[in-house]
ModelCIF file with pLDDT and N, C-alpha, C, O atoms, coordinates in Angstrom:
data_MODEL
#
_entry.id   MODEL 
#
_entity.id                         1 
_entity.type                       polymer 
_entity.pdbx_number_of_molecules   1 
#
_entity_poly.entity_id                      1 
_entity_poly.type                           'polypeptide(L)' 
_entity_poly.nstd_linkage                   no 
_entity_poly.nstd_monomer                   no 
_entity_poly.pdbx_seq_one_letter_code       VTPEEYYSLRAGVMAEFAKVVCISMGYFKRE 
_entity_poly.pdbx_seq_one_letter_code_can   VTPEEYYSLRAGVMAEFAKVVCISMGYFKRE 
_entity_poly.pdbx_strand_id                 A 
#
loop_
_entity_poly_seq.entity_id 
_entity_poly_seq.num 
_entity_poly_seq.mon_id 
_entity_poly_seq.hetero 
1 1  VAL n 
1 2  THR n 
1 3  PRO n 
1 4  GLU n 
1 5  GLU n 
1 6  TYR n 
1 7  TYR n 
1 8  SER n 
1 9  LEU n 
1 10 ARG n 
1 11 ALA n 
1 12 GLY n 
1 13 VAL n 
1 14 MET n 
1 15 ALA n 
1 16 GLU n 
1 17 PHE n 
1 18 ALA n 
1 19 LYS n 
1 20 VAL n 
1 21 VAL n 
1 22 CYS n 
1 23 ILE n 
1 24 SER n 
1 25 MET n 
1 26 GLY n 
1 27 TYR n 
1 28 PHE n 
1 29 LYS n 
1 30 ARG n 
1 31 GLU n 
#
_struct_asym.id          A 
_struct_asym.entity_id   1 
#
loop_
_ma_qa_metric.id 
_ma_qa_metric.mode 
_ma_qa_metric.name 
_ma_qa_metric.software_group_id 
_ma_qa_metric.type 
1 global pLDDT . pLDDT 
2 local  pLDDT . pLDDT 
#
_ma_qa_metric_global.metric_id      1 
_ma_qa_metric_global.metric_value   95.65 
_ma_qa_metric_global.model_id       1 
_ma_qa_metric_global.ordinal_id     1 
#
loop_
_ma_qa_metric_local.label_asym_id 
_ma_qa_metric_local.label_comp_id 
_ma_qa_metric_local.label_seq_id 
_ma_qa_metric_local.metric_id 
_ma_qa_metric_local.metric_value 
_ma_qa_metric_local.model_id 
_ma_qa_metric_local.ordinal_id 
A VAL 1  2 94.00 1 1  
A THR 2  2 95.00 1 2  
A PRO 3  2 95.00 1 3  
A GLU 4  2 95.00 1 4  
A GLU 5  2 95.00 1 5  
A TYR 6  2 96.00 1 6  
A TYR 7  2 97.00 1 7  
A SER 8  2 94.00 1 8  
A LEU 9  2 94.00 1 9  
A ARG 10 2 95.00 1 10 
A ALA 11 2 97.00 1 11 
A GLY 12 2 96.00 1 12 
A VAL 13 2 96.00 1 13 
A MET 14 2 97.00 1 14 
A ALA 15 2 97.00 1 15 
A GLU 16 2 98.00 1 16 
A PHE 17 2 98.00 1 17 
A ALA 18 2 98.00 1 18 
A LYS 19 2 98.00 1 19 
A VAL 20 2 98.00 1 20 
A VAL 21 2 98.00 1 21 
A CYS 22 2 98.00 1 22 
A ILE 23 2 98.00 1 23 
A SER 24 2 97.00 1 24 
A MET 25 2 97.00 1 25 
A GLY 26 2 96.00 1 26 
A TYR 27 2 95.00 1 27 
A PHE 28 2 96.00 1 28 
A LYS 29 2 93.00 1 29 
A ARG 30 2 90.00 1 30 
A GLU 31 2 84.00 1 31 
#
loop_
_atom_site.group_PDB 
_atom_site.id 
_atom_site.type_symbol 
_atom_site.label_atom_id 
_atom_site.label_alt_id 
_atom_site.label_comp_id 
_atom_site.label_asym_id 
_atom_site.label_entity_id 
_atom_site.label_seq_id 
_atom_site.pdbx_PDB_ins_code 
_atom_site.Cartn_x 
_atom_site.Cartn_y 
_atom_site.Cartn_z 
_atom_site.occupancy 
_atom_site.B_iso_or_equiv 
_atom_site.pdbx_formal_charge 
_atom_site.auth_seq_id 
_atom_site.auth_comp_id 
_atom_site.auth_asym_id 
_atom_site.auth_atom_id 
_atom_site.pdbx_PDB_model_num 
ATOM 1   N N  . VAL A 1 1  ? 142.548 10.894 0.088  1.00 94.00 ? 1  VAL A N  1 
ATOM 2   C CA . VAL A 1 1  ? 143.501 11.768 1.499  1.00 94.00 ? 1  VAL A CA 1 
ATOM 3   C C  . VAL A 1 1  ? 142.418 12.012 2.305  1.00 94.00 ? 1  VAL A C  1 
ATOM 4   O O  . VAL A 1 1  ? 141.324 12.501 2.025  1.00 94.00 ? 1  VAL A O  1 
ATOM 5   N N  . THR A 1 2  ? 142.951 11.531 3.539  1.00 95.00 ? 2  THR A N  1 
ATOM 6   C CA . THR A 1 2  ? 142.225 11.697 4.707  1.00 95.00 ? 2  THR A CA 1 
ATOM 7   C C  . THR A 1 2  ? 142.381 13.339 5.338  1.00 95.00 ? 2  THR A C  1 
ATOM 8   O O  . THR A 1 2  ? 143.395 14.028 5.225  1.00 95.00 ? 2  THR A O  1 
ATOM 9   N N  . PRO A 1 3  ? 141.339 13.673 5.893  1.00 95.00 ? 3  PRO A N  1 
ATOM 10  C CA . PRO A 1 3  ? 141.226 15.025 6.674  1.00 95.00 ? 3  PRO A CA 1 
ATOM 11  C C  . PRO A 1 3  ? 142.818 15.081 7.482  1.00 95.00 ? 3  PRO A C  1 
ATOM 12  O O  . PRO A 1 3  ? 143.543 16.070 7.383  1.00 95.00 ? 3  PRO A O  1 
ATOM 13  N N  . GLU A 1 4  ? 143.149 14.003 8.178  1.00 95.00 ? 4  GLU A N  1 
ATOM 14  C CA . GLU A 1 4  ? 144.145 14.230 8.957  1.00 95.00 ? 4  GLU A CA 1 
ATOM 15  C C  . GLU A 1 4  ? 145.691 14.187 7.961  1.00 95.00 ? 4  GLU A C  1 
ATOM 16  O O  . GLU A 1 4  ? 146.829 14.435 8.358  1.00 95.00 ? 4  GLU A O  1 
ATOM 17  N N  . GLU A 1 5  ? 145.414 13.939 7.109  1.00 95.00 ? 5  GLU A N  1 
ATOM 18  C CA . GLU A 1 5  ? 146.709 14.170 6.072  1.00 95.00 ? 5  GLU A CA 1 
ATOM 19  C C  . GLU A 1 5  ? 146.708 15.528 5.499  1.00 95.00 ? 5  GLU A C  1 
ATOM 20  O O  . GLU A 1 5  ? 147.663 16.295 5.372  1.00 95.00 ? 5  GLU A O  1 
ATOM 21  N N  . TYR A 1 6  ? 145.366 15.708 5.145  1.00 96.00 ? 6  TYR A N  1 
ATOM 22  C CA . TYR A 1 6  ? 144.942 17.077 4.579  1.00 96.00 ? 6  TYR A CA 1 
ATOM 23  C C  . TYR A 1 6  ? 145.622 18.207 5.666  1.00 96.00 ? 6  TYR A C  1 
ATOM 24  O O  . TYR A 1 6  ? 146.149 19.198 5.161  1.00 96.00 ? 6  TYR A O  1 
ATOM 25  N N  . TYR A 1 7  ? 145.617 18.110 6.714  1.00 97.00 ? 7  TYR A N  1 
ATOM 26  C CA . TYR A 1 7  ? 145.867 18.890 7.970  1.00 97.00 ? 7  TYR A CA 1 
ATOM 27  C C  . TYR A 1 7  ? 147.500 19.250 7.717  1.00 97.00 ? 7  TYR A C  1 
ATOM 28  O O  . TYR A 1 7  ? 147.968 20.365 7.946  1.00 97.00 ? 7  TYR A O  1 
ATOM 29  N N  . SER A 1 8  ? 148.190 18.240 7.264  1.00 94.00 ? 8  SER A N  1 
ATOM 30  C CA . SER A 1 8  ? 150.068 18.610 7.265  1.00 94.00 ? 8  SER A CA 1 
ATOM 31  C C  . SER A 1 8  ? 150.139 19.354 5.953  1.00 94.00 ? 8  SER A C  1 
ATOM 32  O O  . SER A 1 8  ? 151.168 20.007 5.776  1.00 94.00 ? 8  SER A O  1 
ATOM 33  N N  . LEU A 1 9  ? 149.148 19.370 4.923  1.00 94.00 ? 9  LEU A N  1 
ATOM 34  C CA . LEU A 1 9  ? 149.533 19.625 3.862  1.00 94.00 ? 9  LEU A CA 1 
ATOM 35  C C  . LEU A 1 9  ? 149.013 21.225 3.555  1.00 94.00 ? 9  LEU A C  1 
ATOM 36  O O  . LEU A 1 9  ? 149.573 22.007 2.786  1.00 94.00 ? 9  LEU A O  1 
ATOM 37  N N  . ARG A 1 10 ? 147.712 21.515 4.419  1.00 95.00 ? 10 ARG A N  1 
ATOM 38  C CA . ARG A 1 10 ? 146.881 22.647 4.204  1.00 95.00 ? 10 ARG A CA 1 
ATOM 39  C C  . ARG A 1 10 ? 146.726 23.795 5.267  1.00 95.00 ? 10 ARG A C  1 
ATOM 40  O O  . ARG A 1 10 ? 146.389 24.971 5.134  1.00 95.00 ? 10 ARG A O  1 
ATOM 41  N N  . ALA A 1 11 ? 147.081 23.065 6.350  1.00 97.00 ? 11 ALA A N  1 
ATOM 42  C CA . ALA A 1 11 ? 146.904 23.999 7.490  1.00 97.00 ? 11 ALA A CA 1 
ATOM 43  C C  . ALA A 1 11 ? 147.190 25.282 8.001  1.00 97.00 ? 11 ALA A C  1 
ATOM 44  O O  . ALA A 1 11 ? 146.556 26.126 8.634  1.00 97.00 ? 11 ALA A O  1 
ATOM 45  N N  . GLY A 1 12 ? 148.508 25.167 7.469  1.00 96.00 ? 12 GLY A N  1 
ATOM 46  C CA . GLY A 1 12 ? 149.562 26.240 7.399  1.00 96.00 ? 12 GLY A CA 1 
ATOM 47  C C  . GLY A 1 12 ? 149.251 27.519 6.556  1.00 96.00 ? 12 GLY A C  1 
ATOM 48  O O  . GLY A 1 12 ? 149.934 28.538 6.666  1.00 96.00 ? 12 GLY A O  1 
ATOM 49  N N  . VAL A 1 13 ? 148.045 27.401 5.599  1.00 96.00 ? 13 VAL A N  1 
ATOM 50  C CA . VAL A 1 13 ? 147.850 28.772 5.059  1.00 96.00 ? 13 VAL A CA 1 
ATOM 51  C C  . VAL A 1 13 ? 146.141 29.031 5.219  1.00 96.00 ? 13 VAL A C  1 
ATOM 52  O O  . VAL A 1 13 ? 145.386 29.713 4.525  1.00 96.00 ? 13 VAL A O  1 
ATOM 53  N N  . MET A 1 14 ? 145.922 28.340 6.213  1.00 97.00 ? 14 MET A N  1 
ATOM 54  C CA . MET A 1 14 ? 144.374 28.677 6.772  1.00 97.00 ? 14 MET A CA 1 
ATOM 55  C C  . MET A 1 14 ? 144.564 29.563 8.005  1.00 97.00 ? 14 MET A C  1 
ATOM 56  O O  . MET A 1 14 ? 145.290 29.174 8.920  1.00 97.00 ? 14 MET A O  1 
ATOM 57  N N  . ALA A 1 15 ? 143.982 30.655 8.054  1.00 97.00 ? 15 ALA A N  1 
ATOM 58  C CA . ALA A 1 15 ? 144.312 31.591 9.090  1.00 97.00 ? 15 ALA A CA 1 
ATOM 59  C C  . ALA A 1 15 ? 143.593 31.273 10.235 1.00 97.00 ? 15 ALA A C  1 
ATOM 60  O O  . ALA A 1 15 ? 143.988 31.856 11.244 1.00 97.00 ? 15 ALA A O  1 
ATOM 61  N N  . GLU A 1 16 ? 142.650 30.518 10.374 1.00 98.00 ? 16 GLU A N  1 
ATOM 62  C CA . GLU A 1 16 ? 141.832 29.867 11.479 1.00 98.00 ? 16 GLU A CA 1 
ATOM 63  C C  . GLU A 1 16 ? 142.763 28.875 11.846 1.00 98.00 ? 16 GLU A C  1 
ATOM 64  O O  . GLU A 1 16 ? 142.652 28.543 13.026 1.00 98.00 ? 16 GLU A O  1 
ATOM 65  N N  . PHE A 1 17 ? 143.637 28.302 11.217 1.00 98.00 ? 17 PHE A N  1 
ATOM 66  C CA . PHE A 1 17 ? 144.506 26.859 11.778 1.00 98.00 ? 17 PHE A CA 1 
ATOM 67  C C  . PHE A 1 17 ? 145.629 27.167 11.859 1.00 98.00 ? 17 PHE A C  1 
ATOM 68  O O  . PHE A 1 17 ? 146.293 26.216 12.271 1.00 98.00 ? 17 PHE A O  1 
ATOM 69  N N  . ALA A 1 18 ? 146.295 28.168 11.645 1.00 98.00 ? 18 ALA A N  1 
ATOM 70  C CA . ALA A 1 18 ? 147.718 28.555 11.328 1.00 98.00 ? 18 ALA A CA 1 
ATOM 71  C C  . ALA A 1 18 ? 148.243 29.876 12.110 1.00 98.00 ? 18 ALA A C  1 
ATOM 72  O O  . ALA A 1 18 ? 147.387 30.647 12.544 1.00 98.00 ? 18 ALA A O  1 
ATOM 73  N N  . LYS A 1 19 ? 149.523 30.148 12.295 1.00 98.00 ? 19 LYS A N  1 
ATOM 74  C CA . LYS A 1 19 ? 149.923 31.249 12.752 1.00 98.00 ? 19 LYS A CA 1 
ATOM 75  C C  . LYS A 1 19 ? 151.132 31.693 12.012 1.00 98.00 ? 19 LYS A C  1 
ATOM 76  O O  . LYS A 1 19 ? 151.731 30.954 11.231 1.00 98.00 ? 19 LYS A O  1 
ATOM 77  N N  . VAL A 1 20 ? 151.505 33.013 12.294 1.00 98.00 ? 20 VAL A N  1 
ATOM 78  C CA . VAL A 1 20 ? 152.636 33.600 11.363 1.00 98.00 ? 20 VAL A CA 1 
ATOM 79  C C  . VAL A 1 20 ? 153.900 33.563 12.715 1.00 98.00 ? 20 VAL A C  1 
ATOM 80  O O  . VAL A 1 20 ? 153.885 33.796 13.924 1.00 98.00 ? 20 VAL A O  1 
ATOM 81  N N  . VAL A 1 21 ? 154.889 33.148 11.742 1.00 98.00 ? 21 VAL A N  1 
ATOM 82  C CA . VAL A 1 21 ? 156.002 32.838 12.491 1.00 98.00 ? 21 VAL A CA 1 
ATOM 83  C C  . VAL A 1 21 ? 157.014 33.857 11.815 1.00 98.00 ? 21 VAL A C  1 
ATOM 84  O O  . VAL A 1 21 ? 157.916 33.993 12.642 1.00 98.00 ? 21 VAL A O  1 
ATOM 85  N N  . CYS A 1 22 ? 157.257 34.541 10.840 1.00 98.00 ? 22 CYS A N  1 
ATOM 86  C CA . CYS A 1 22 ? 158.192 35.328 10.432 1.00 98.00 ? 22 CYS A CA 1 
ATOM 87  C C  . CYS A 1 22 ? 157.119 36.374 9.341  1.00 98.00 ? 22 CYS A C  1 
ATOM 88  O O  . CYS A 1 22 ? 156.155 36.124 8.617  1.00 98.00 ? 22 CYS A O  1 
ATOM 89  N N  . ILE A 1 23 ? 157.872 37.603 9.686  1.00 98.00 ? 23 ILE A N  1 
ATOM 90  C CA . ILE A 1 23 ? 157.553 38.727 8.632  1.00 98.00 ? 23 ILE A CA 1 
ATOM 91  C C  . ILE A 1 23 ? 158.703 39.683 8.233  1.00 98.00 ? 23 ILE A C  1 
ATOM 92  O O  . ILE A 1 23 ? 159.038 40.660 8.901  1.00 98.00 ? 23 ILE A O  1 
ATOM 93  N N  . SER A 1 24 ? 159.213 39.332 7.186  1.00 97.00 ? 24 SER A N  1 
ATOM 94  C CA . SER A 1 24 ? 160.348 40.288 6.473  1.00 97.00 ? 24 SER A CA 1 
ATOM 95  C C  . SER A 1 24 ? 159.729 41.384 5.741  1.00 97.00 ? 24 SER A C  1 
ATOM 96  O O  . SER A 1 24 ? 158.817 41.314 4.918  1.00 97.00 ? 24 SER A O  1 
ATOM 97  N N  . MET A 1 25 ? 160.410 42.489 6.194  1.00 97.00 ? 25 MET A N  1 
ATOM 98  C CA . MET A 1 25 ? 160.129 43.707 5.193  1.00 97.00 ? 25 MET A CA 1 
ATOM 99  C C  . MET A 1 25 ? 161.153 44.289 4.610  1.00 97.00 ? 25 MET A C  1 
ATOM 100 O O  . MET A 1 25 ? 162.219 43.964 5.132  1.00 97.00 ? 25 MET A O  1 
ATOM 101 N N  . GLY A 1 26 ? 161.264 45.154 3.576  1.00 96.00 ? 26 GLY A N  1 
ATOM 102 C CA . GLY A 1 26 ? 162.228 45.669 2.965  1.00 96.00 ? 26 GLY A CA 1 
ATOM 103 C C  . GLY A 1 26 ? 161.861 46.911 2.441  1.00 96.00 ? 26 GLY A C  1 
ATOM 104 O O  . GLY A 1 26 ? 160.685 47.039 2.102  1.00 96.00 ? 26 GLY A O  1 
ATOM 105 N N  . TYR A 1 27 ? 162.894 48.181 2.259  1.00 95.00 ? 27 TYR A N  1 
ATOM 106 C CA . TYR A 1 27 ? 162.591 49.346 1.538  1.00 95.00 ? 27 TYR A CA 1 
ATOM 107 C C  . TYR A 1 27 ? 163.663 50.047 0.752  1.00 95.00 ? 27 TYR A C  1 
ATOM 108 O O  . TYR A 1 27 ? 164.800 49.742 1.115  1.00 95.00 ? 27 TYR A O  1 
ATOM 109 N N  . PHE A 1 28 ? 163.602 50.710 -0.005 1.00 96.00 ? 28 PHE A N  1 
ATOM 110 C CA . PHE A 1 28 ? 164.863 51.109 -0.551 1.00 96.00 ? 28 PHE A CA 1 
ATOM 111 C C  . PHE A 1 28 ? 165.014 52.697 -0.110 1.00 96.00 ? 28 PHE A C  1 
ATOM 112 O O  . PHE A 1 28 ? 164.168 53.558 0.133  1.00 96.00 ? 28 PHE A O  1 
ATOM 113 N N  . LYS A 1 29 ? 166.583 52.707 -0.114 1.00 93.00 ? 29 LYS A N  1 
ATOM 114 C CA . LYS A 1 29 ? 167.052 53.970 0.461  1.00 93.00 ? 29 LYS A CA 1 
ATOM 115 C C  . LYS A 1 29 ? 167.930 54.249 -0.323 1.00 93.00 ? 29 LYS A C  1 
ATOM 116 O O  . LYS A 1 29 ? 168.612 53.359 -0.831 1.00 93.00 ? 29 LYS A O  1 
ATOM 117 N N  . ARG A 1 30 ? 168.153 55.823 -0.660 1.00 90.00 ? 30 ARG A N  1 
ATOM 118 C CA . ARG A 1 30 ? 169.010 56.127 -1.329 1.00 90.00 ? 30 ARG A CA 1 
ATOM 119 C C  . ARG A 1 30 ? 170.417 56.708 -0.448 1.00 90.00 ? 30 ARG A C  1 
ATOM 120 O O  . ARG A 1 30 ? 170.361 57.559 0.440  1.00 90.00 ? 30 ARG A O  1 
ATOM 121 N N  . GLU A 1 31 ? 171.477 56.130 -0.858 1.00 84.00 ? 31 GLU A N  1 
ATOM 122 C CA . GLU A 1 31 ? 172.713 56.004 -0.080 1.00 84.00 ? 31 GLU A CA 1 
ATOM 123 C C  . GLU A 1 31 ? 174.204 56.697 -0.940 1.00 84.00 ? 31 GLU A C  1 
ATOM 124 O O  . GLU A 1 31 ? 175.306 56.654 -0.395 1.00 84.00 ? 31 GLU A O  1 
#
């Protein structure tokens, strides 16, 4: 596997080479 191919596989989980595009949050509330 080349470093170029590995970029597509793993860059998204390495903070120096990635970015956050979604944060979801949830909480319980009594109603």
